Amino acid sequence: MDTKIKVGVIGVGALGRHHARLYNENDKCTVVGVFDVDFEQCKKVAEEFDLTPFEKMEELAEKCEALSIAVPATLHHDISAPLLEMGRHLLIEKPLESDLAKGRKIAELAAKNNLVVGVGHVERFNPAMDYLESRKAENIFIEAHRLANYPPPRPGMHRRGTEVGVVLDLMIHDIDLILSMVSSPITSIDAVGIPVLSATEDIASVRIHFENGAVANLTASRVSVDPLRRFRVFQSDCYISMDYGKCSGMILKKNRIGIKEKKVDLDEKNALAHEIDDFVDAVTKTIETGVLHKTKVPVEDGLKALEVAIQITENLTMHNEKHGFTFK
């Protein structure tokens, strides 16, 4: 009996194309096909990976057990809700949604229908974060920098990710990581952010205080010249600096005679491939056992990150309004 689950991809732009490719390379699933509102793009990707293009999303979903949703964040609920009502397991690209109420509705539908819903916080699958996860016991201060170039133009469409501000576009990756590493309620958030080339903030800086005394500083920009993805953690006896773009880092640890430095070289791996494999495994186990098996980043975690991201965007908006900062 063929135990491979049947999967499809909805939205095959810059990121969805890679979902299609990696599902196609995964021997635990069978790719039924792909769908995109731009049928020419859909046919192009389908031809590239020898897949079937679908003109209607519903026709693809009817033939699948699980699907990836890689459309703009503002459409996540509208695309996901009917699929969840159909009983389909979903891997939804980050953020879970751009609207908190709609994000909560997705989580409710997943729970109501006992379905696997993973959220594409792909940095959880980065080998640098695997290392930090193993040493998260005493995180006192965390600092994250995520800097990127402004997205290139797309004919007839908004620049990728700019349907939301940089907090929901980029910073939410680090919000999710920090929430996974600090098991304590947030007590306060201070945020500032400004638009540069978009209608919403393109640069943001945030300081988060936790009840247990931990503090996190986050900086995100999508108008930087030099890309950077760095995560630094200060613990009681050491300092860990990880560059999860280069999959390398350094540990400065206290010992009996002073400070010892150790370089950390991590094997590179395709984080998205591991995320997709994790989703396929969770869906397969759920179907086989009838018991819900969650992904590494389940919908509940995606919702928590969204809640904090919305708090941050509201906080920086209030900051700008309070001080009379206006932008054209």
C-alpha atoms as a PDB file:
ATOM      1  CA  MET A   1       0.000   0.000   0.000  1.00  0.00           C
ATOM      2  CA  ASP A   2       1.291   3.469  -0.917  1.00  0.00           C
ATOM      3  CA  THR A   3       1.681   5.437   2.324  1.00  0.00           C
ATOM      4  CA  LYS A   4       2.957   8.593   0.650  1.00  0.00           C
ATOM      5  CA  ILE A   5       0.765  11.590   1.375  1.00  0.00           C
ATOM      6  CA  LYS A   6      -0.553  13.636  -1.530  1.00  0.00           C
ATOM      7  CA  VAL A   7       0.546  17.272  -1.409  1.00  0.00           C
ATOM      8  CA  GLY A   8       0.118  20.467  -3.400  1.00  0.00           C
ATOM      9  CA  VAL A   9       1.404  24.043  -3.342  1.00  0.00           C
ATOM     10  CA  ILE A  10      -0.768  27.148  -3.513  1.00  0.00           C
ATOM     11  CA  GLY A  11       1.244  30.159  -4.619  1.00  0.00           C
ATOM     12  CA  VAL A  12       4.399  29.395  -6.588  1.00  0.00           C
ATOM     13  CA  GLY A  13       6.203  32.711  -6.611  1.00  0.00           C
ATOM     14  CA  ALA A  14       9.706  33.261  -5.226  1.00  0.00           C
ATOM     15  CA  LEU A  15       9.184  31.069  -2.151  1.00  0.00           C
ATOM     16  CA  GLY A  16       6.373  28.770  -3.222  1.00  0.00           C
ATOM     17  CA  ARG A  17       8.494  27.617  -6.144  1.00  0.00           C
ATOM     18  CA  HIS A  18      10.971  26.180  -3.628  1.00  0.00           C
ATOM     19  CA  HIS A  19       8.159  24.431  -1.749  1.00  0.00           C
ATOM     20  CA  ALA A  20       7.196  22.717  -5.011  1.00  0.00           C
ATOM     21  CA  ARG A  21      10.800  21.761  -5.737  1.00  0.00           C
ATOM     22  CA  LEU A  22      11.483  20.353  -2.269  1.00  0.00           C
ATOM     23  CA  TYR A  23       8.234  18.393  -2.048  1.00  0.00           C
ATOM     24  CA  ASN A  24       9.150  16.933  -5.417  1.00  0.00           C
ATOM     25  CA  GLU A  25      12.522  15.827  -4.009  1.00  0.00           C
ATOM     26  CA  ASN A  26      10.974  14.339  -0.840  1.00  0.00           C
ATOM     27  CA  ASP A  27      10.389  10.600  -1.202  1.00  0.00           C
ATOM     28  CA  LYS A  28       7.749  10.580   1.564  1.00  0.00           C
ATOM     29  CA  CYS A  29       5.126  12.405  -0.497  1.00  0.00           C
ATOM     30  CA  THR A  30       3.610  12.668  -3.956  1.00  0.00           C
ATOM     31  CA  VAL A  31       3.121  16.113  -5.472  1.00  0.00           C
ATOM     32  CA  VAL A  32      -0.339  16.316  -7.038  1.00  0.00           C
ATOM     33  CA  GLY A  33       0.304  19.729  -8.553  1.00  0.00           C
ATOM     34  CA  VAL A  34       0.574  23.474  -8.085  1.00  0.00           C
ATOM     35  CA  PHE A  35      -1.743  26.473  -8.286  1.00  0.00           C
ATOM     36  CA  ASP A  36      -1.178  30.202  -8.667  1.00  0.00           C
ATOM     37  CA  VAL A  37      -3.507  33.045  -9.636  1.00  0.00           C
ATOM     38  CA  ASP A  38      -0.903  33.862 -12.273  1.00  0.00           C
ATOM     39  CA  PHE A  39      -1.468  30.806 -14.442  1.00  0.00           C
ATOM     40  CA  GLU A  40       1.527  31.564 -16.653  1.00  0.00           C
ATOM     41  CA  GLN A  41       3.781  31.447 -13.558  1.00  0.00           C
ATOM     42  CA  CYS A  42       1.964  28.299 -12.459  1.00  0.00           C
ATOM     43  CA  LYS A  43       2.647  26.582 -15.789  1.00  0.00           C
ATOM     44  CA  LYS A  44       6.272  27.735 -15.750  1.00  0.00           C
ATOM     45  CA  VAL A  45       6.960  26.186 -12.327  1.00  0.00           C
ATOM     46  CA  ALA A  46       4.981  23.058 -13.184  1.00  0.00           C
ATOM     47  CA  GLU A  47       7.021  22.561 -16.330  1.00  0.00           C
ATOM     48  CA  GLU A  48      10.300  23.195 -14.471  1.00  0.00           C
ATOM     49  CA  PHE A  49       9.648  20.378 -11.988  1.00  0.00           C
ATOM     50  CA  ASP A  50       7.474  18.141 -14.194  1.00  0.00           C
ATOM     51  CA  LEU A  51       4.323  18.807 -12.149  1.00  0.00           C
ATOM     52  CA  THR A  52       0.671  19.399 -13.011  1.00  0.00           C
ATOM     53  CA  PRO A  53      -0.588  23.017 -13.095  1.00  0.00           C
ATOM     54  CA  PHE A  54      -4.124  23.605 -11.809  1.00  0.00           C
ATOM     55  CA  GLU A  55      -6.342  26.483 -12.918  1.00  0.00           C
ATOM     56  CA  LYS A  56      -8.565  26.237  -9.830  1.00  0.00           C
ATOM     57  CA  MET A  57      -7.358  25.992  -6.238  1.00  0.00           C
ATOM     58  CA  GLU A  58     -10.345  23.880  -5.212  1.00  0.00           C
ATOM     59  CA  GLU A  59      -9.604  21.243  -7.856  1.00  0.00           C
ATOM     60  CA  LEU A  60      -6.051  20.873  -6.556  1.00  0.00           C
ATOM     61  CA  ALA A  61      -7.185  20.744  -2.919  1.00  0.00           C
ATOM     62  CA  GLU A  62      -9.730  18.025  -3.647  1.00  0.00           C
ATOM     63  CA  LYS A  63      -6.927  15.713  -4.774  1.00  0.00           C
ATOM     64  CA  CYS A  64      -4.567  16.506  -1.860  1.00  0.00           C
ATOM     65  CA  GLU A  65      -4.257  15.596   1.794  1.00  0.00           C
ATOM     66  CA  ALA A  66      -1.877  18.449   2.612  1.00  0.00           C
ATOM     67  CA  LEU A  67      -0.880  21.746   1.021  1.00  0.00           C
ATOM     68  CA  SER A  68       1.634  24.553   1.394  1.00  0.00           C
ATOM     69  CA  ILE A  69       0.232  28.087   1.401  1.00  0.00           C
ATOM     70  CA  ALA A  70       2.799  30.531  -0.004  1.00  0.00           C
ATOM     71  CA  VAL A  71       0.699  33.576  -0.851  1.00  0.00           C
ATOM     72  CA  PRO A  72       0.893  37.136   0.574  1.00  0.00           C
ATOM     73  CA  ALA A  73       0.275  37.224   4.333  1.00  0.00           C
ATOM     74  CA  THR A  74      -2.844  39.352   3.909  1.00  0.00           C
ATOM     75  CA  LEU A  75      -4.494  36.411   2.101  1.00  0.00           C
ATOM     76  CA  HIS A  76      -3.534  33.581   4.459  1.00  0.00           C
ATOM     77  CA  HIS A  77      -6.891  33.344   6.243  1.00  0.00           C
ATOM     78  CA  ASP A  78      -8.987  33.672   3.095  1.00  0.00           C
ATOM     79  CA  ILE A  79      -7.031  30.884   1.404  1.00  0.00           C
ATOM     80  CA  SER A  80      -6.590  28.642   4.459  1.00  0.00           C
ATOM     81  CA  ALA A  81     -10.071  28.745   6.008  1.00  0.00           C
ATOM     82  CA  PRO A  82     -11.943  26.876   3.239  1.00  0.00           C
ATOM     83  CA  LEU A  83      -9.120  24.326   2.982  1.00  0.00           C
ATOM     84  CA  LEU A  84      -9.279  23.643   6.715  1.00  0.00           C
ATOM     85  CA  GLU A  85     -13.044  23.195   6.434  1.00  0.00           C
ATOM     86  CA  MET A  86     -12.286  20.625   3.699  1.00  0.00           C
ATOM     87  CA  GLY A  87     -10.071  18.751   6.176  1.00  0.00           C
ATOM     88  CA  ARG A  88      -6.735  19.577   4.601  1.00  0.00           C
ATOM     89  CA  HIS A  89      -3.480  19.771   6.579  1.00  0.00           C
ATOM     90  CA  LEU A  90      -1.563  22.988   5.895  1.00  0.00           C
ATOM     91  CA  LEU A  91       1.938  24.430   6.015  1.00  0.00           C
ATOM     92  CA  ILE A  92       1.395  28.204   6.024  1.00  0.00           C
ATOM     93  CA  GLU A  93       4.288  30.516   5.286  1.00  0.00           C
ATOM     94  CA  LYS A  94       5.148  33.068   7.959  1.00  0.00           C
ATOM     95  CA  PRO A  95       3.575  35.151   9.337  1.00  0.00           C
ATOM     96  CA  LEU A  96       0.498  33.086  10.162  1.00  0.00           C
ATOM     97  CA  GLU A  97      -1.577  36.097   9.068  1.00  0.00           C
ATOM     98  CA  SER A  98      -1.269  39.860   8.983  1.00  0.00           C
ATOM     99  CA  ASP A  99      -4.456  40.286  11.030  1.00  0.00           C
ATOM    100  CA  LEU A 100      -4.577  38.902  14.563  1.00  0.00           C
ATOM    101  CA  ALA A 101      -8.295  38.039  14.561  1.00  0.00           C
ATOM    102  CA  LYS A 102      -7.877  36.117  11.314  1.00  0.00           C
ATOM    103  CA  GLY A 103      -4.802  34.355  12.691  1.00  0.00           C
ATOM    104  CA  ARG A 104      -6.817  33.224  15.694  1.00  0.00           C
ATOM    105  CA  LYS A 105      -9.545  31.959  13.369  1.00  0.00           C
ATOM    106  CA  ILE A 106      -7.007  29.789  11.520  1.00  0.00           C
ATOM    107  CA  ALA A 107      -5.885  28.284  14.853  1.00  0.00           C
ATOM    108  CA  GLU A 108      -9.508  27.660  15.858  1.00  0.00           C
ATOM    109  CA  LEU A 109     -10.303  25.900  12.587  1.00  0.00           C
ATOM    110  CA  ALA A 110      -7.185  23.735  12.897  1.00  0.00           C
ATOM    111  CA  ALA A 111      -8.190  22.649  16.421  1.00  0.00           C
ATOM    112  CA  LYS A 112     -11.848  22.132  15.462  1.00  0.00           C
ATOM    113  CA  ASN A 113     -10.940  19.830  12.576  1.00  0.00           C
ATOM    114  CA  ASN A 114      -7.969  18.118  14.320  1.00  0.00           C
ATOM    115  CA  LEU A 115      -5.596  19.132  11.546  1.00  0.00           C
ATOM    116  CA  VAL A 116      -1.860  19.667  11.304  1.00  0.00           C
ATOM    117  CA  VAL A 117      -1.083  23.336  10.673  1.00  0.00           C
ATOM    118  CA  GLY A 118       2.577  24.275  10.618  1.00  0.00           C
ATOM    119  CA  VAL A 119       3.862  27.835  10.268  1.00  0.00           C
ATOM    120  CA  GLY A 120       6.898  28.623   8.136  1.00  0.00           C
ATOM    121  CA  HIS A 121       9.270  30.011  10.743  1.00  0.00           C
ATOM    122  CA  VAL A 122      12.102  28.349   8.885  1.00  0.00           C
ATOM    123  CA  GLU A 123      14.890  29.668  11.152  1.00  0.00           C
ATOM    124  CA  ARG A 124      13.858  27.076  13.758  1.00  0.00           C
ATOM    125  CA  PHE A 125      15.394  24.542  11.388  1.00  0.00           C
ATOM    126  CA  ASN A 126      18.667  26.428  10.988  1.00  0.00           C
ATOM    127  CA  PRO A 127      21.613  24.425  12.424  1.00  0.00           C
ATOM    128  CA  ALA A 128      22.779  27.509  14.328  1.00  0.00           C
ATOM    129  CA  MET A 129      19.476  27.539  16.186  1.00  0.00           C
ATOM    130  CA  ASP A 130      19.758  23.795  16.845  1.00  0.00           C
ATOM    131  CA  TYR A 131      22.928  24.631  18.743  1.00  0.00           C
ATOM    132  CA  LEU A 132      21.411  27.527  20.698  1.00  0.00           C
ATOM    133  CA  GLU A 133      18.358  25.439  21.547  1.00  0.00           C
ATOM    134  CA  SER A 134      20.621  22.948  23.321  1.00  0.00           C
ATOM    135  CA  ARG A 135      22.027  25.749  25.529  1.00  0.00           C
ATOM    136  CA  LYS A 136      18.931  27.824  26.308  1.00  0.00           C
ATOM    137  CA  ALA A 137      18.726  27.160  30.056  1.00  0.00           C
ATOM    138  CA  GLU A 138      20.001  30.541  31.280  1.00  0.00           C
ATOM    139  CA  ASN A 139      19.362  33.115  28.601  1.00  0.00           C
ATOM    140  CA  ILE A 140      19.734  36.529  30.258  1.00  0.00           C
ATOM    141  CA  PHE A 141      20.135  38.845  27.279  1.00  0.00           C
ATOM    142  CA  ILE A 142      19.431  38.127  23.593  1.00  0.00           C
ATOM    143  CA  GLU A 143      20.277  40.370  20.670  1.00  0.00           C
ATOM    144  CA  ALA A 144      19.095  39.746  17.113  1.00  0.00           C
ATOM    145  CA  HIS A 145      19.918  41.616  13.904  1.00  0.00           C
ATOM    146  CA  ARG A 146      18.126  40.823  10.643  1.00  0.00           C
ATOM    147  CA  LEU A 147      19.069  43.160   7.823  1.00  0.00           C
ATOM    148  CA  ALA A 148      18.107  42.728   4.172  1.00  0.00           C
ATOM    149  CA  ASN A 149      18.095  44.569   0.868  1.00  0.00           C
ATOM    150  CA  TYR A 150      14.881  46.181  -0.305  1.00  0.00           C
ATOM    151  CA  PRO A 151      12.931  43.587  -2.336  1.00  0.00           C
ATOM    152  CA  PRO A 152      13.196  43.942  -6.123  1.00  0.00           C
ATOM    153  CA  PRO A 153      10.186  45.186  -8.128  1.00  0.00           C
ATOM    154  CA  ARG A 154       7.700  42.704  -9.604  1.00  0.00           C
ATOM    155  CA  PRO A 155       5.685  43.744 -12.680  1.00  0.00           C
ATOM    156  CA  GLY A 156       2.061  44.352 -11.730  1.00  0.00           C
ATOM    157  CA  MET A 157       2.598  43.383  -8.086  1.00  0.00           C
ATOM    158  CA  HIS A 158       3.847  44.881  -4.836  1.00  0.00           C
ATOM    159  CA  ARG A 159       7.429  44.128  -3.867  1.00  0.00           C
ATOM    160  CA  ARG A 160       7.625  40.800  -2.058  1.00  0.00           C
ATOM    161  CA  GLY A 161       6.815  41.097   1.660  1.00  0.00           C
ATOM    162  CA  THR A 162       5.869  44.780   1.538  1.00  0.00           C
ATOM    163  CA  GLU A 163       2.157  44.063   1.971  1.00  0.00           C
ATOM    164  CA  VAL A 164       3.146  44.191   5.659  1.00  0.00           C
ATOM    165  CA  GLY A 165       5.737  46.138   7.648  1.00  0.00           C
ATOM    166  CA  VAL A 166       9.227  44.855   8.406  1.00  0.00           C
ATOM    167  CA  VAL A 167       8.114  43.562  11.825  1.00  0.00           C
ATOM    168  CA  LEU A 168       5.721  41.067  10.236  1.00  0.00           C
ATOM    169  CA  ASP A 169       7.950  40.563   7.206  1.00  0.00           C
ATOM    170  CA  LEU A 170      11.369  39.911   8.795  1.00  0.00           C
ATOM    171  CA  MET A 171      11.496  40.552  12.547  1.00  0.00           C
ATOM    172  CA  ILE A 172       8.835  37.928  13.209  1.00  0.00           C
ATOM    173  CA  HIS A 173      11.473  35.240  12.558  1.00  0.00           C
ATOM    174  CA  ASP A 174      13.470  36.472  15.558  1.00  0.00           C
ATOM    175  CA  ILE A 175      10.341  37.033  17.635  1.00  0.00           C
ATOM    176  CA  ASP A 176       9.528  33.349  17.182  1.00  0.00           C
ATOM    177  CA  LEU A 177      13.084  32.297  18.048  1.00  0.00           C
ATOM    178  CA  ILE A 178      13.146  34.387  21.213  1.00  0.00           C
ATOM    179  CA  LEU A 179       9.749  33.121  22.365  1.00  0.00           C
ATOM    180  CA  SER A 180      11.051  29.568  21.900  1.00  0.00           C
ATOM    181  CA  MET A 181      14.121  30.359  24.027  1.00  0.00           C
ATOM    182  CA  VAL A 182      12.629  32.375  26.902  1.00  0.00           C
ATOM    183  CA  SER A 183       9.909  30.583  28.858  1.00  0.00           C
ATOM    184  CA  SER A 184       8.517  33.618  30.635  1.00  0.00           C
ATOM    185  CA  PRO A 185       5.696  36.141  30.057  1.00  0.00           C
ATOM    186  CA  ILE A 186       6.494  39.494  28.437  1.00  0.00           C
ATOM    187  CA  THR A 187       6.154  42.448  30.803  1.00  0.00           C
ATOM    188  CA  SER A 188       6.891  45.365  28.474  1.00  0.00           C
ATOM    189  CA  ILE A 189       7.775  46.301  24.898  1.00  0.00           C
ATOM    190  CA  ASP A 190       9.505  49.468  23.658  1.00  0.00           C
ATOM    191  CA  ALA A 191       9.578  49.887  19.894  1.00  0.00           C
ATOM    192  CA  VAL A 192      10.459  52.446  17.268  1.00  0.00           C
ATOM    193  CA  GLY A 193      10.151  52.058  13.526  1.00  0.00           C
ATOM    194  CA  ILE A 194       9.981  54.215  10.427  1.00  0.00           C
ATOM    195  CA  PRO A 195       8.981  53.790   6.797  1.00  0.00           C
ATOM    196  CA  VAL A 196      11.635  54.602   4.205  1.00  0.00           C
ATOM    197  CA  LEU A 197      10.468  53.245   0.865  1.00  0.00           C
ATOM    198  CA  SER A 198       7.206  51.527   1.850  1.00  0.00           C
ATOM    199  CA  ALA A 199       3.903  52.677   3.300  1.00  0.00           C
ATOM    200  CA  THR A 200       4.718  50.811   6.532  1.00  0.00           C
ATOM    201  CA  GLU A 201       7.874  50.561   8.637  1.00  0.00           C
ATOM    202  CA  ASP A 202      11.003  49.408   6.815  1.00  0.00           C
ATOM    203  CA  ILE A 203      13.312  49.679   9.850  1.00  0.00           C
ATOM    204  CA  ALA A 204      12.388  48.752  13.424  1.00  0.00           C
ATOM    205  CA  SER A 205      14.182  48.427  16.739  1.00  0.00           C
ATOM    206  CA  VAL A 206      12.543  46.726  19.728  1.00  0.00           C
ATOM    207  CA  ARG A 207      13.377  45.992  23.358  1.00  0.00           C
ATOM    208  CA  ILE A 208      11.376  43.249  25.092  1.00  0.00           C
ATOM    209  CA  HIS A 209      11.421  42.672  28.863  1.00  0.00           C
ATOM    210  CA  PHE A 210      10.378  39.318  30.345  1.00  0.00           C
ATOM    211  CA  GLU A 211       9.020  38.550  33.800  1.00  0.00           C
ATOM    212  CA  ASN A 212      12.052  36.398  34.664  1.00  0.00           C
ATOM    213  CA  GLY A 213      14.411  39.332  34.035  1.00  0.00           C
ATOM    214  CA  ALA A 214      15.529  38.324  30.538  1.00  0.00           C
ATOM    215  CA  VAL A 215      15.787  41.089  27.942  1.00  0.00           C
ATOM    216  CA  ALA A 216      15.794  40.871  24.154  1.00  0.00           C
ATOM    217  CA  ASN A 217      16.843  43.539  21.658  1.00  0.00           C
ATOM    218  CA  LEU A 218      15.719  43.074  18.060  1.00  0.00           C
ATOM    219  CA  THR A 219      16.621  45.110  14.984  1.00  0.00           C
ATOM    220  CA  ALA A 220      15.178  44.505  11.537  1.00  0.00           C
ATOM    221  CA  SER A 221      15.630  46.365   8.277  1.00  0.00           C
ATOM    222  CA  ARG A 222      14.690  45.680   4.679  1.00  0.00           C
ATOM    223  CA  VAL A 223      16.497  48.743   3.322  1.00  0.00           C
ATOM    224  CA  SER A 224      20.056  47.756   4.238  1.00  0.00           C
ATOM    225  CA  VAL A 225      23.019  47.568   1.875  1.00  0.00           C
ATOM    226  CA  ASP A 226      24.684  44.592   3.559  1.00  0.00           C
ATOM    227  CA  PRO A 227      22.439  41.642   4.548  1.00  0.00           C
ATOM    228  CA  LEU A 228      22.960  40.223   8.047  1.00  0.00           C
ATOM    229  CA  ARG A 229      21.308  37.492  10.137  1.00  0.00           C
ATOM    230  CA  ARG A 230      22.957  37.354  13.548  1.00  0.00           C
ATOM    231  CA  PHE A 231      21.768  36.097  16.927  1.00  0.00           C
ATOM    232  CA  ARG A 232      23.708  36.662  20.161  1.00  0.00           C
ATOM    233  CA  VAL A 233      22.950  35.222  23.572  1.00  0.00           C
ATOM    234  CA  PHE A 234      24.426  36.183  26.942  1.00  0.00           C
ATOM    235  CA  GLN A 235      24.203  33.537  29.674  1.00  0.00           C
ATOM    236  CA  SER A 236      25.506  33.457  33.248  1.00  0.00           C
ATOM    237  CA  ASP A 237      28.851  31.920  32.297  1.00  0.00           C
ATOM    238  CA  CYS A 238      29.229  32.522  28.568  1.00  0.00           C
ATOM    239  CA  TYR A 239      28.515  34.603  25.485  1.00  0.00           C
ATOM    240  CA  ILE A 240      27.347  32.904  22.287  1.00  0.00           C
ATOM    241  CA  SER A 241      27.397  34.639  18.912  1.00  0.00           C
ATOM    242  CA  MET A 242      25.845  32.818  15.970  1.00  0.00           C
ATOM    243  CA  ASP A 243      25.708  33.969  12.362  1.00  0.00           C
ATOM    244  CA  TYR A 244      22.833  31.893  11.049  1.00  0.00           C
ATOM    245  CA  GLY A 245      23.372  33.168   7.537  1.00  0.00           C
ATOM    246  CA  LYS A 246      26.881  31.707   7.450  1.00  0.00           C
ATOM    247  CA  CYS A 247      26.104  28.819   9.852  1.00  0.00           C
ATOM    248  CA  SER A 248      29.051  29.682  12.053  1.00  0.00           C
ATOM    249  CA  GLY A 249      29.701  31.254  15.415  1.00  0.00           C
ATOM    250  CA  MET A 250      31.785  31.720  18.525  1.00  0.00           C
ATOM    251  CA  ILE A 251      31.500  30.907  22.223  1.00  0.00           C
ATOM    252  CA  LEU A 252      33.302  32.814  24.950  1.00  0.00           C
ATOM    253  CA  LYS A 253      33.030  30.769  28.133  1.00  0.00           C
ATOM    254  CA  LYS A 254      34.292  31.409  31.637  1.00  0.00           C
ATOM    255  CA  ASN A 255      36.637  28.811  33.131  1.00  0.00           C
ATOM    256  CA  ARG A 256      38.976  28.593  36.136  1.00  0.00           C
ATOM    257  CA  ILE A 257      41.707  30.705  34.571  1.00  0.00           C
ATOM    258  CA  GLY A 258      39.631  33.270  32.657  1.00  0.00           C
ATOM    259  CA  ILE A 259      37.835  33.262  29.325  1.00  0.00           C
ATOM    260  CA  LYS A 260      38.136  30.558  26.677  1.00  0.00           C
ATOM    261  CA  GLU A 261      37.134  31.154  23.064  1.00  0.00           C
ATOM    262  CA  LYS A 262      35.740  28.363  20.920  1.00  0.00           C
ATOM    263  CA  LYS A 263      34.747  28.678  17.274  1.00  0.00           C
ATOM    264  CA  VAL A 264      31.622  26.866  16.157  1.00  0.00           C
ATOM    265  CA  ASP A 265      31.468  25.632  12.583  1.00  0.00           C
ATOM    266  CA  LEU A 266      28.110  24.141  11.730  1.00  0.00           C
ATOM    267  CA  ASP A 267      27.309  21.982   8.755  1.00  0.00           C
ATOM    268  CA  GLU A 268      25.036  23.814   6.373  1.00  0.00           C
ATOM    269  CA  LYS A 269      21.672  22.253   5.678  1.00  0.00           C
ATOM    270  CA  ASN A 270      18.618  23.296   3.709  1.00  0.00           C
ATOM    271  CA  ALA A 271      16.372  24.608   6.477  1.00  0.00           C
ATOM    272  CA  LEU A 272      13.292  24.758   4.222  1.00  0.00           C
ATOM    273  CA  ALA A 273      13.811  21.123   3.170  1.00  0.00           C
ATOM    274  CA  HIS A 274      13.900  20.125   6.846  1.00  0.00           C
ATOM    275  CA  GLU A 275      10.795  22.206   7.571  1.00  0.00           C
ATOM    276  CA  ILE A 276       8.901  20.488   4.745  1.00  0.00           C
ATOM    277  CA  ASP A 277      10.099  17.051   5.866  1.00  0.00           C
ATOM    278  CA  ASP A 278       8.938  17.828   9.415  1.00  0.00           C
ATOM    279  CA  PHE A 279       5.500  18.805   8.061  1.00  0.00           C
ATOM    280  CA  VAL A 280       5.241  15.681   5.895  1.00  0.00           C
ATOM    281  CA  ASP A 281       6.170  13.481   8.886  1.00  0.00           C
ATOM    282  CA  ALA A 282       3.579  15.162  11.132  1.00  0.00           C
ATOM    283  CA  VAL A 283       0.814  14.757   8.547  1.00  0.00           C
ATOM    284  CA  THR A 284       1.762  11.139   7.802  1.00  0.00           C
ATOM    285  CA  LYS A 285       1.731  10.187  11.505  1.00  0.00           C
ATOM    286  CA  THR A 286      -1.562  11.995  12.051  1.00  0.00           C
ATOM    287  CA  ILE A 287      -3.225  10.168   9.157  1.00  0.00           C
ATOM    288  CA  GLU A 288      -1.793   6.780  10.162  1.00  0.00           C
ATOM    289  CA  THR A 289      -2.653   7.008  13.877  1.00  0.00           C
ATOM    290  CA  GLY A 290      -5.679   9.288  13.950  1.00  0.00           C
ATOM    291  CA  VAL A 291      -3.867  11.234  16.684  1.00  0.00           C
ATOM    292  CA  LEU A 292      -2.717  14.780  15.959  1.00  0.00           C
ATOM    293  CA  HIS A 293       1.065  15.073  15.610  1.00  0.00           C
ATOM    294  CA  LYS A 294       2.294  18.664  15.645  1.00  0.00           C
ATOM    295  CA  THR A 295       5.068  20.168  13.592  1.00  0.00           C
ATOM    296  CA  LYS A 296       8.145  21.722  15.187  1.00  0.00           C
ATOM    297  CA  VAL A 297       6.472  25.121  14.719  1.00  0.00           C
ATOM    298  CA  PRO A 298       2.749  24.425  15.243  1.00  0.00           C
ATOM    299  CA  VAL A 299      -0.026  26.940  14.633  1.00  0.00           C
ATOM    300  CA  GLU A 300      -0.045  27.853  18.331  1.00  0.00           C
ATOM    301  CA  ASP A 301       3.562  29.070  18.107  1.00  0.00           C
ATOM    302  CA  GLY A 302       2.829  30.969  14.904  1.00  0.00           C
ATOM    303  CA  LEU A 303      -0.065  32.671  16.665  1.00  0.00           C
ATOM    304  CA  LYS A 304       2.093  33.623  19.673  1.00  0.00           C
ATOM    305  CA  ALA A 305       4.679  35.211  17.390  1.00  0.00           C
ATOM    306  CA  LEU A 306       1.920  37.065  15.523  1.00  0.00           C
ATOM    307  CA  GLU A 307       0.452  38.386  18.787  1.00  0.00           C
ATOM    308  CA  VAL A 308       3.819  39.821  19.837  1.00  0.00           C
ATOM    309  CA  ALA A 309       4.479  41.224  16.351  1.00  0.00           C
ATOM    310  CA  ILE A 310       1.124  43.022  16.397  1.00  0.00           C
ATOM    311  CA  GLN A 311       1.939  44.414  19.868  1.00  0.00           C
ATOM    312  CA  ILE A 312       5.221  45.738  18.504  1.00  0.00           C
ATOM    313  CA  THR A 313       3.639  47.394  15.454  1.00  0.00           C
ATOM    314  CA  GLU A 314       0.989  49.022  17.661  1.00  0.00           C
ATOM    315  CA  ASN A 315       3.700  50.170  20.071  1.00  0.00           C
ATOM    316  CA  LEU A 316       5.840  51.801  17.387  1.00  0.00           C
ATOM    317  CA  THR A 317       2.760  53.452  15.848  1.00  0.00           C
ATOM    318  CA  MET A 318       1.850  54.945  19.223  1.00  0.00           C
ATOM    319  CA  HIS A 319       5.446  56.102  19.701  1.00  0.00           C
ATOM    320  CA  ASN A 320       5.415  57.940  16.374  1.00  0.00           C
ATOM    321  CA  GLU A 321       2.015  59.494  17.041  1.00  0.00           C
ATOM    322  CA  LYS A 322       2.980  60.569  20.567  1.00  0.00           C
ATOM    323  CA  HIS A 323       6.045  62.425  19.331  1.00  0.00           C
ATOM    324  CA  GLY A 324       4.420  63.832  16.224  1.00  0.00           C
ATOM    325  CA  PHE A 325       6.555  61.884  13.760  1.00  0.00           C
ATOM    326  CA  THR A 326       4.926  61.846  10.341  1.00  0.00           C
ATOM    327  CA  PHE A 327       6.194  60.282   7.152  1.00  0.00           C
ATOM    328  CA  LYS A 328       5.373  60.793   3.499  1.00  0.00           C
END
